[in-house]
Amino acid sequence: MMIIVSGCLAGLHCRYDGKDMSNESVMRLIAEGKAIPVCPEQLGGLSTPRPCCQIKENRVMTENGEDVTAQFCRGAEEALAVAKLAGSKKAILKSKSPSCGYGEIYDGNFSGTLISGNGIFAALCKQNGIEVITEEEIN
């Protein structure tokens, strides 16, 4: 069974700030042929780097006030298509992300405050029977 993982955890420079969040356990799964990296935000057509985004009132907004919900939704659908093609039943996603966060995300005010909630891709995974954990839960 192939595991879907956030691209930034795999060492890809796809975060909003152009950096990665490499995770040794995730990178080992990829090297062993057990995981496939995806970046829903890039799959949705957003550039890297890009403005920081957060979810507020069911909309994904940049720190500059631009609504990028459509791109996040399109990217989540594309990433889900990859997961389905690979037969994935599990995803390891980047915590707190507006795409991949699971259980906790930022509150949408760009204040650093966390609230209960899921990112767009994480929620779609759960709706489609894919178990979601974050990198904070794998070690």
Protein backbone atom coordinates (compact mmCIF):
# COMPACT_ATOMS: atom_id res chain seq x y z
CA MET A 1 0.00 0.00 0.00
CA MET A 2 1.37 3.37 -1.04
CA ILE A 3 1.25 6.24 1.48
CA ILE A 4 0.59 9.79 0.30
CA VAL A 5 2.87 12.37 1.97
CA SER A 6 3.13 16.14 1.89
CA GLY A 7 5.83 17.12 -0.59
CA CYS A 8 7.49 19.50 1.86
CA LEU A 9 8.00 16.62 4.32
CA ALA A 10 9.73 14.71 1.51
CA GLY A 11 12.31 17.47 1.13
CA LEU A 12 10.67 19.22 -1.82
CA HIS A 13 10.92 23.00 -1.72
CA CYS A 14 7.17 23.51 -2.17
CA ARG A 15 6.15 25.35 1.01
CA TYR A 16 4.69 28.83 0.66
CA ASP A 17 8.09 30.29 1.60
CA GLY A 18 9.98 28.14 -0.91
CA LYS A 19 11.49 25.98 1.82
CA ASP A 20 10.97 22.37 2.84
CA MET A 21 10.17 20.68 6.13
CA SER A 22 12.18 17.49 5.55
CA ASN A 23 11.25 14.62 7.82
CA GLU A 24 13.62 11.66 8.02
CA SER A 25 10.86 9.09 8.52
CA VAL A 26 8.92 10.38 5.50
CA MET A 27 12.04 10.52 3.35
CA ARG A 28 12.86 6.92 4.34
CA LEU A 29 9.36 5.77 3.29
CA ILE A 30 9.88 7.36 -0.12
CA ALA A 31 13.35 5.84 -0.53
CA GLU A 32 11.85 2.43 0.30
CA GLY A 33 9.17 2.89 -2.38
CA LYS A 34 6.35 3.05 0.17
CA ALA A 35 5.28 6.68 -0.24
CA ILE A 36 4.51 9.26 -2.93
CA PRO A 37 4.91 13.01 -2.29
CA VAL A 38 2.26 15.52 -3.41
CA CYS A 39 1.85 19.26 -2.93
CA PRO A 40 -1.83 20.15 -3.28
CA GLU A 41 -1.05 23.86 -3.44
CA GLN A 42 1.25 23.45 -6.43
CA LEU A 43 -1.18 20.99 -8.03
CA GLY A 44 -3.84 23.69 -7.70
CA GLY A 45 -1.71 26.10 -9.74
CA LEU A 46 -0.20 28.22 -6.99
CA SER A 47 3.40 29.36 -7.38
CA THR A 48 6.28 28.74 -5.03
CA PRO A 49 7.03 30.91 -3.20
CA ARG A 50 3.55 32.33 -2.60
CA PRO A 51 1.89 34.45 0.08
CA CYS A 52 1.12 32.73 3.36
CA CYS A 53 -2.47 31.41 3.42
CA GLN A 54 -4.94 30.50 6.15
CA ILE A 55 -8.54 29.33 6.29
CA LYS A 56 -11.12 31.80 7.59
CA GLU A 57 -14.88 31.27 7.40
CA ASN A 58 -14.46 28.34 4.98
CA ARG A 59 -12.39 30.44 2.55
CA VAL A 60 -8.63 30.20 1.99
CA MET A 61 -7.18 33.68 2.05
CA THR A 62 -3.66 35.00 1.49
CA GLU A 63 -2.12 37.34 4.02
CA ASN A 64 -2.74 40.03 1.35
CA GLY A 65 -6.51 39.37 1.33
CA GLU A 66 -6.70 37.39 -1.94
CA ASP A 67 -9.19 34.49 -2.03
CA VAL A 68 -7.37 31.35 -3.26
CA THR A 69 -10.03 28.83 -2.23
CA ALA A 70 -10.51 27.63 -5.83
CA GLN A 71 -6.82 26.80 -6.22
CA PHE A 72 -6.73 24.97 -2.89
CA CYS A 73 -9.83 22.94 -3.79
CA ARG A 74 -8.52 22.11 -7.28
CA GLY A 75 -5.16 21.04 -5.80
CA ALA A 76 -6.84 18.89 -3.16
CA GLU A 77 -8.88 17.13 -5.85
CA GLU A 78 -5.74 16.51 -7.95
CA ALA A 79 -3.80 15.21 -4.94
CA LEU A 80 -6.73 12.94 -4.08
CA ALA A 81 -6.66 11.62 -7.66
CA VAL A 82 -2.98 10.70 -7.16
CA ALA A 83 -3.84 8.98 -3.87
CA LYS A 84 -6.60 6.98 -5.54
CA LEU A 85 -4.36 5.99 -8.47
CA ALA A 86 -1.77 4.74 -5.97
CA GLY A 87 -4.36 2.88 -3.91
CA SER A 88 -3.46 4.90 -0.83
CA LYS A 89 -5.31 4.27 2.41
CA LYS A 90 -3.04 6.46 4.54
CA ALA A 91 -1.59 9.97 4.33
CA ILE A 92 1.16 11.66 6.35
CA LEU A 93 0.53 15.37 6.01
CA LYS A 94 2.14 18.61 7.21
CA SER A 95 0.58 19.78 10.44
CA LYS A 96 -1.19 23.13 10.67
CA SER A 97 -1.16 23.70 6.87
CA PRO A 98 -4.27 25.14 5.19
CA SER A 99 -4.01 22.21 2.75
CA CYS A 100 -2.58 19.39 4.79
CA GLY A 101 -3.18 20.31 8.43
CA TYR A 102 -5.11 17.74 10.43
CA GLY A 103 -6.70 18.40 13.82
CA GLU A 104 -5.26 21.91 14.13
CA ILE A 105 -4.93 24.80 11.71
CA TYR A 106 -4.27 28.53 12.07
CA ASP A 107 -7.31 30.68 12.81
CA GLY A 108 -7.23 32.79 9.64
CA ASN A 109 -6.11 36.00 11.34
CA PHE A 110 -2.36 35.45 10.72
CA SER A 111 -1.79 35.88 14.45
CA GLY A 112 -0.20 32.47 15.10
CA THR A 113 -3.30 31.26 16.94
CA LEU A 114 -4.26 27.61 16.39
CA ILE A 115 -7.82 26.30 16.32
CA SER A 116 -9.40 22.89 15.82
CA GLY A 117 -9.82 22.10 12.15
CA ASN A 118 -8.45 20.45 9.04
CA GLY A 119 -6.85 21.70 5.86
CA ILE A 120 -8.65 21.33 2.52
CA PHE A 121 -6.70 18.25 1.35
CA ALA A 122 -6.70 16.57 4.77
CA ALA A 123 -10.49 16.95 5.01
CA LEU A 124 -10.93 15.52 1.51
CA CYS A 125 -8.74 12.54 2.40
CA LYS A 126 -10.86 11.80 5.47
CA GLN A 127 -14.07 12.12 3.44
CA ASN A 128 -12.67 9.51 1.05
CA GLY A 129 -11.64 6.96 3.67
CA ILE A 130 -7.93 7.79 3.79
CA GLU A 131 -6.43 7.74 7.28
CA VAL A 132 -4.62 11.01 8.01
CA ILE A 133 -1.80 11.61 10.47
CA THR A 134 0.69 14.45 10.68
CA GLU A 135 4.48 14.33 10.81
CA GLU A 136 4.16 15.02 14.54
CA GLU A 137 2.52 11.61 15.02
CA ILE A 138 4.92 9.33 13.11
CA ASN A 139 7.98 9.44 15.36
